[in-house]
Amino acid sequence: IREELRANGIDVYPQKEFDEDAEDRMINEKIREMIPFAVVGSDQEYQVNGRRLLGRKTKWGTIE
């Protein structure tokens, strides 16, 4: 799954821009090694921050 994500240019949490310092980078790399936690699919479109995206709405927000 990780190779498919990379091959298709799909960004997953935590994105590289969250690697603000060496400690953050180390923690985020540990998280990235455990990905995927889950795969969420959807055929529903939502408007989020002026962008249309496919996602799934939960009580915590929209999963893209």
PDB file of N, CA and C in Angstrom:
ATOM      1  N   ILE A   1       0.836  -1.196   0.000  1.00  0.00           N
ATOM      2  CA  ILE A   1       0.000   0.000   0.000  1.00  0.00           C
ATOM      3  C   ILE A   1       0.873   1.249   0.000  1.00  0.00           C
ATOM      4  N   ARG A   2       1.960   1.233   0.797  1.00  0.00           N
ATOM      5  CA  ARG A   2       2.845   2.399   0.826  1.00  0.00           C
ATOM      6  C   ARG A   2       3.425   2.695  -0.552  1.00  0.00           C
ATOM      7  N   GLU A   3       3.809   1.651  -1.278  1.00  0.00           N
ATOM      8  CA  GLU A   3       4.374   1.845  -2.621  1.00  0.00           C
ATOM      9  C   GLU A   3       3.330   2.447  -3.560  1.00  0.00           C
ATOM     10  N   GLU A   4       2.086   1.993  -3.468  1.00  0.00           N
ATOM     11  CA  GLU A   4       1.007   2.550  -4.287  1.00  0.00           C
ATOM     12  C   GLU A   4       0.768   4.017  -3.948  1.00  0.00           C
ATOM     13  N   LEU A   5       0.811   4.355  -2.664  1.00  0.00           N
ATOM     14  CA  LEU A   5       0.649   5.746  -2.262  1.00  0.00           C
ATOM     15  C   LEU A   5       1.751   6.604  -2.866  1.00  0.00           C
ATOM     16  N   ARG A   6       2.997   6.142  -2.749  1.00  0.00           N
ATOM     17  CA  ARG A   6       4.140   6.879  -3.320  1.00  0.00           C
ATOM     18  C   ARG A   6       4.024   7.002  -4.832  1.00  0.00           C
ATOM     19  N   ALA A   7       3.730   5.886  -5.494  1.00  0.00           N
ATOM     20  CA  ALA A   7       3.667   5.862  -6.960  1.00  0.00           C
ATOM     21  C   ALA A   7       2.597   6.803  -7.509  1.00  0.00           C
ATOM     22  N   ASN A   8       1.529   6.988  -6.739  1.00  0.00           N
ATOM     23  CA  ASN A   8       0.430   7.834  -7.196  1.00  0.00           C
ATOM     24  C   ASN A   8       0.451   9.228  -6.596  1.00  0.00           C
ATOM     25  N   GLY A   9       1.526   9.563  -5.887  1.00  0.00           N
ATOM     26  CA  GLY A   9       1.690  10.907  -5.355  1.00  0.00           C
ATOM     27  C   GLY A   9       0.653  11.290  -4.312  1.00  0.00           C
ATOM     28  N   ILE A  10       0.220  10.302  -3.519  1.00  0.00           N
ATOM     29  CA  ILE A  10      -0.794  10.559  -2.503  1.00  0.00           C
ATOM     30  C   ILE A  10      -0.093  10.866  -1.186  1.00  0.00           C
ATOM     31  N   ASP A  11      -0.305  12.083  -0.673  1.00  0.00           N
ATOM     32  CA  ASP A  11       0.277  12.482   0.610  1.00  0.00           C
ATOM     33  C   ASP A  11      -0.565  11.935   1.749  1.00  0.00           C
ATOM     34  N   VAL A  12       0.103  11.465   2.784  1.00  0.00           N
ATOM     35  CA  VAL A  12      -0.592  10.977   3.968  1.00  0.00           C
ATOM     36  C   VAL A  12      -0.022  11.664   5.192  1.00  0.00           C
ATOM     37  N   TYR A  13      -0.765  11.625   6.281  1.00  0.00           N
ATOM     38  CA  TYR A  13      -0.331  12.223   7.531  1.00  0.00           C
ATOM     39  C   TYR A  13       0.777  11.373   8.139  1.00  0.00           C
ATOM     40  N   PRO A  14       1.771  11.941   8.748  1.00  0.00           N
ATOM     41  CA  PRO A  14       2.104  13.354   8.805  1.00  0.00           C
ATOM     42  C   PRO A  14       2.876  13.787   7.558  1.00  0.00           C
ATOM     43  N   GLN A  15       2.471  14.885   6.974  1.00  0.00           N
ATOM     44  CA  GLN A  15       3.136  15.398   5.785  1.00  0.00           C
ATOM     45  C   GLN A  15       4.524  15.915   6.155  1.00  0.00           C
ATOM     46  N   LYS A  16       5.402  15.976   5.165  1.00  0.00           N
ATOM     47  CA  LYS A  16       6.786  16.416   5.386  1.00  0.00           C
ATOM     48  C   LYS A  16       6.873  17.810   5.979  1.00  0.00           C
ATOM     49  N   GLU A  17       5.894  18.678   5.716  1.00  0.00           N
ATOM     50  CA  GLU A  17       5.961  20.035   6.272  1.00  0.00           C
ATOM     51  C   GLU A  17       5.802  20.055   7.797  1.00  0.00           C
ATOM     52  N   PHE A  18       5.422  18.917   8.408  1.00  0.00           N
ATOM     53  CA  PHE A  18       5.349  18.838   9.870  1.00  0.00           C
ATOM     54  C   PHE A  18       6.707  18.488  10.485  1.00  0.00           C
ATOM     55  N   ASP A  19       7.721  18.233   9.662  1.00  0.00           N
ATOM     56  CA  ASP A  19       9.068  17.909  10.143  1.00  0.00           C
ATOM     57  C   ASP A  19       9.827  19.202  10.428  1.00  0.00           C
ATOM     58  N   GLU A  20       9.416  19.927  11.460  1.00  0.00           N
ATOM     59  CA  GLU A  20       9.983  21.249  11.726  1.00  0.00           C
ATOM     60  C   GLU A  20      11.374  21.190  12.342  1.00  0.00           C
ATOM     61  N   ASP A  21      11.657  20.154  13.105  1.00  0.00           N
ATOM     62  CA  ASP A  21      12.995  20.013  13.686  1.00  0.00           C
ATOM     63  C   ASP A  21      13.344  18.529  13.757  1.00  0.00           C
ATOM     64  N   ALA A  22      14.548  18.221  14.233  1.00  0.00           N
ATOM     65  CA  ALA A  22      15.037  16.834  14.243  1.00  0.00           C
ATOM     66  C   ALA A  22      14.147  15.926  15.087  1.00  0.00           C
ATOM     67  N   GLU A  23      13.670  16.423  16.230  1.00  0.00           N
ATOM     68  CA  GLU A  23      12.819  15.602  17.095  1.00  0.00           C
ATOM     69  C   GLU A  23      11.489  15.298  16.417  1.00  0.00           C
ATOM     70  N   ASP A  24      10.863  16.318  15.815  1.00  0.00           N
ATOM     71  CA  ASP A  24       9.609  16.102  15.083  1.00  0.00           C
ATOM     72  C   ASP A  24       9.816  15.108  13.942  1.00  0.00           C
ATOM     73  N   ARG A  25      10.910  15.266  13.212  1.00  0.00           N
ATOM     74  CA  ARG A  25      11.201  14.385  12.083  1.00  0.00           C
ATOM     75  C   ARG A  25      11.326  12.939  12.547  1.00  0.00           C
ATOM     76  N   MET A  26      11.999  12.707  13.679  1.00  0.00           N
ATOM     77  CA  MET A  26      12.187  11.357  14.206  1.00  0.00           C
ATOM     78  C   MET A  26      10.836  10.735  14.599  1.00  0.00           C
ATOM     79  N   ILE A  27      10.010  11.510  15.287  1.00  0.00           N
ATOM     80  CA  ILE A  27       8.689  11.020  15.695  1.00  0.00           C
ATOM     81  C   ILE A  27       7.826  10.736  14.467  1.00  0.00           C
ATOM     82  N   ASN A  28       7.835  11.652  13.504  1.00  0.00           N
ATOM     83  CA  ASN A  28       7.017  11.479  12.301  1.00  0.00           C
ATOM     84  C   ASN A  28       7.477  10.287  11.475  1.00  0.00           C
ATOM     85  N   GLU A  29       8.781  10.019  11.418  1.00  0.00           N
ATOM     86  CA  GLU A  29       9.272   8.850  10.682  1.00  0.00           C
ATOM     87  C   GLU A  29       8.782   7.559  11.324  1.00  0.00           C
ATOM     88  N   LYS A  30       8.722   7.513  12.649  1.00  0.00           N
ATOM     89  CA  LYS A  30       8.187   6.331  13.337  1.00  0.00           C
ATOM     90  C   LYS A  30       6.726   6.122  12.976  1.00  0.00           C
ATOM     91  N   ILE A  31       5.982   7.235  12.916  1.00  0.00           N
ATOM     92  CA  ILE A  31       4.568   7.144  12.528  1.00  0.00           C
ATOM     93  C   ILE A  31       4.458   6.664  11.085  1.00  0.00           C
ATOM     94  N   ARG A  32       5.268   7.230  10.190  1.00  0.00           N
ATOM     95  CA  ARG A  32       5.204   6.856   8.766  1.00  0.00           C
ATOM     96  C   ARG A  32       5.531   5.376   8.547  1.00  0.00           C
ATOM     97  N   GLU A  33       6.397   4.812   9.384  1.00  0.00           N
ATOM     98  CA  GLU A  33       6.741   3.393   9.256  1.00  0.00           C
ATOM     99  C   GLU A  33       5.547   2.490   9.545  1.00  0.00           C
ATOM    100  N   MET A  34       4.568   2.995  10.313  1.00  0.00           N
ATOM    101  CA  MET A  34       3.397   2.199  10.684  1.00  0.00           C
ATOM    102  C   MET A  34       2.235   2.359   9.714  1.00  0.00           C
ATOM    103  N   ILE A  35       2.370   3.252   8.754  1.00  0.00           N
ATOM    104  CA  ILE A  35       1.298   3.520   7.793  1.00  0.00           C
ATOM    105  C   ILE A  35       1.172   2.338   6.856  1.00  0.00           C
ATOM    106  N   PRO A  36       0.012   1.926   6.426  1.00  0.00           N
ATOM    107  CA  PRO A  36      -1.264   2.595   6.648  1.00  0.00           C
ATOM    108  C   PRO A  36      -1.926   2.111   7.934  1.00  0.00           C
ATOM    109  N   PHE A  37      -2.566   3.038   8.631  1.00  0.00           N
ATOM    110  CA  PHE A  37      -3.366   2.675   9.793  1.00  0.00           C
ATOM    111  C   PHE A  37      -4.683   2.091   9.295  1.00  0.00           C
ATOM    112  N   ALA A  38      -5.235   2.743   8.282  1.00  0.00           N
ATOM    113  CA  ALA A  38      -6.483   2.307   7.661  1.00  0.00           C
ATOM    114  C   ALA A  38      -6.577   2.969   6.301  1.00  0.00           C
ATOM    115  N   VAL A  39      -7.339   2.367   5.425  1.00  0.00           N
ATOM    116  CA  VAL A  39      -7.574   2.944   4.113  1.00  0.00           C
ATOM    117  C   VAL A  39      -9.046   3.320   4.052  1.00  0.00           C
ATOM    118  N   VAL A  40      -9.334   4.573   3.690  1.00  0.00           N
ATOM    119  CA  VAL A  40     -10.704   5.056   3.627  1.00  0.00           C
ATOM    120  C   VAL A  40     -11.002   5.418   2.186  1.00  0.00           C
ATOM    121  N   GLY A  41     -12.052   4.843   1.661  1.00  0.00           N
ATOM    122  CA  GLY A  41     -12.461   5.161   0.303  1.00  0.00           C
ATOM    123  C   GLY A  41     -13.789   5.901   0.315  1.00  0.00           C
ATOM    124  N   SER A  42     -14.056   6.629  -0.746  1.00  0.00           N
ATOM    125  CA  SER A  42     -15.318   7.357  -0.820  1.00  0.00           C
ATOM    126  C   SER A  42     -15.630   7.734  -2.255  1.00  0.00           C
ATOM    127  N   ASP A  43     -16.919   7.867  -2.521  1.00  0.00           N
ATOM    128  CA  ASP A  43     -17.356   8.404  -3.807  1.00  0.00           C
ATOM    129  C   ASP A  43     -18.198   9.659  -3.592  1.00  0.00           C
ATOM    130  N   GLN A  44     -18.124  10.224  -2.378  1.00  0.00           N
ATOM    131  CA  GLN A  44     -18.858  11.439  -2.046  1.00  0.00           C
ATOM    132  C   GLN A  44     -17.933  12.649  -2.130  1.00  0.00           C
ATOM    133  N   GLU A  45     -18.419  13.727  -2.735  1.00  0.00           N
ATOM    134  CA  GLU A  45     -17.632  14.955  -2.824  1.00  0.00           C
ATOM    135  C   GLU A  45     -18.068  15.938  -1.742  1.00  0.00           C
ATOM    136  N   TYR A  46     -17.067  16.639  -1.173  1.00  0.00           N
ATOM    137  CA  TYR A  46     -17.323  17.652  -0.150  1.00  0.00           C
ATOM    138  C   TYR A  46     -16.528  18.901  -0.484  1.00  0.00           C
ATOM    139  N   GLN A  47     -17.023  20.025  -0.009  1.00  0.00           N
ATOM    140  CA  GLN A  47     -16.333  21.303  -0.167  1.00  0.00           C
ATOM    141  C   GLN A  47     -15.612  21.578   1.151  1.00  0.00           C
ATOM    142  N   VAL A  48     -14.274  21.664   1.109  1.00  0.00           N
ATOM    143  CA  VAL A  48     -13.485  21.913   2.312  1.00  0.00           C
ATOM    144  C   VAL A  48     -12.487  23.020   2.006  1.00  0.00           C
ATOM    145  N   ASN A  49     -12.565  24.108   2.755  1.00  0.00           N
ATOM    146  CA  ASN A  49     -11.661  25.251   2.555  1.00  0.00           C
ATOM    147  C   ASN A  49     -11.613  25.702   1.095  1.00  0.00           C
ATOM    148  N   GLY A  50     -12.784  25.759   0.463  1.00  0.00           N
ATOM    149  CA  GLY A  50     -12.862  26.214  -0.918  1.00  0.00           C
ATOM    150  C   GLY A  50     -12.436  25.190  -1.949  1.00  0.00           C
ATOM    151  N   ARG A  51     -12.159  23.972  -1.527  1.00  0.00           N
ATOM    152  CA  ARG A  51     -11.719  22.897  -2.428  1.00  0.00           C
ATOM    153  C   ARG A  51     -12.745  21.780  -2.449  1.00  0.00           C
ATOM    154  N   ARG A  52     -12.987  21.209  -3.613  1.00  0.00           N
ATOM    155  CA  ARG A  52     -13.848  20.034  -3.705  1.00  0.00           C
ATOM    156  C   ARG A  52     -12.964  18.800  -3.599  1.00  0.00           C
ATOM    157  N   LEU A  53     -13.379  17.859  -2.750  1.00  0.00           N
ATOM    158  CA  LEU A  53     -12.587  16.642  -2.587  1.00  0.00           C
ATOM    159  C   LEU A  53     -13.483  15.455  -2.320  1.00  0.00           C
ATOM    160  N   LEU A  54     -12.953  14.271  -2.627  1.00  0.00           N
ATOM    161  CA  LEU A  54     -13.635  13.038  -2.268  1.00  0.00           C
ATOM    162  C   LEU A  54     -13.292  12.753  -0.824  1.00  0.00           C
ATOM    163  N   GLY A  55     -14.274  12.383  -0.044  1.00  0.00           N
ATOM    164  CA  GLY A  55     -13.987  12.124   1.352  1.00  0.00           C
ATOM    165  C   GLY A  55     -15.138  11.480   2.077  1.00  0.00           C
ATOM    166  N   ARG A  56     -14.924  11.317   3.357  1.00  0.00           N
ATOM    167  CA  ARG A  56     -15.936  10.759   4.230  1.00  0.00           C
ATOM    168  C   ARG A  56     -16.070  11.687   5.419  1.00  0.00           C
ATOM    169  N   LYS A  57     -17.292  12.116   5.698  1.00  0.00           N
ATOM    170  CA  LYS A  57     -17.545  13.047   6.791  1.00  0.00           C
ATOM    171  C   LYS A  57     -17.735  12.272   8.085  1.00  0.00           C
ATOM    172  N   THR A  58     -17.046  12.721   9.138  1.00  0.00           N
ATOM    173  CA  THR A  58     -17.216  12.159  10.468  1.00  0.00           C
ATOM    174  C   THR A  58     -17.530  13.296  11.425  1.00  0.00           C
ATOM    175  N   LYS A  59     -17.814  12.987  12.685  1.00  0.00           N
ATOM    176  CA  LYS A  59     -18.096  14.058  13.642  1.00  0.00           C
ATOM    177  C   LYS A  59     -16.836  14.850  13.959  1.00  0.00           C
ATOM    178  N   TRP A  60     -15.637  14.351  13.585  1.00  0.00           N
ATOM    179  CA  TRP A  60     -14.376  15.052  13.828  1.00  0.00           C
ATOM    180  C   TRP A  60     -13.943  15.886  12.628  1.00  0.00           C
ATOM    181  N   GLY A  61     -14.572  15.691  11.490  1.00  0.00           N
ATOM    182  CA  GLY A  61     -14.187  16.434  10.294  1.00  0.00           C
ATOM    183  C   GLY A  61     -14.334  15.562   9.068  1.00  0.00           C
ATOM    184  N   THR A  62     -13.715  15.951   7.995  1.00  0.00           N
ATOM    185  CA  THR A  62     -13.781  15.213   6.739  1.00  0.00           C
ATOM    186  C   THR A  62     -12.466  14.509   6.486  1.00  0.00           C
ATOM    187  N   ILE A  63     -12.537  13.213   6.238  1.00  0.00           N
ATOM    188  CA  ILE A  63     -11.354  12.420   5.906  1.00  0.00           C
ATOM    189  C   ILE A  63     -11.170  12.489   4.404  1.00  0.00           C
ATOM    190  N   GLU A  64     -10.007  12.934   3.972  1.00  0.00           N
ATOM    191  CA  GLU A  64      -9.733  13.060   2.537  1.00  0.00           C
ATOM    192  C   GLU A  64      -9.011  11.819   2.051  1.00  0.00           C
TER     193      GLU A  64
END
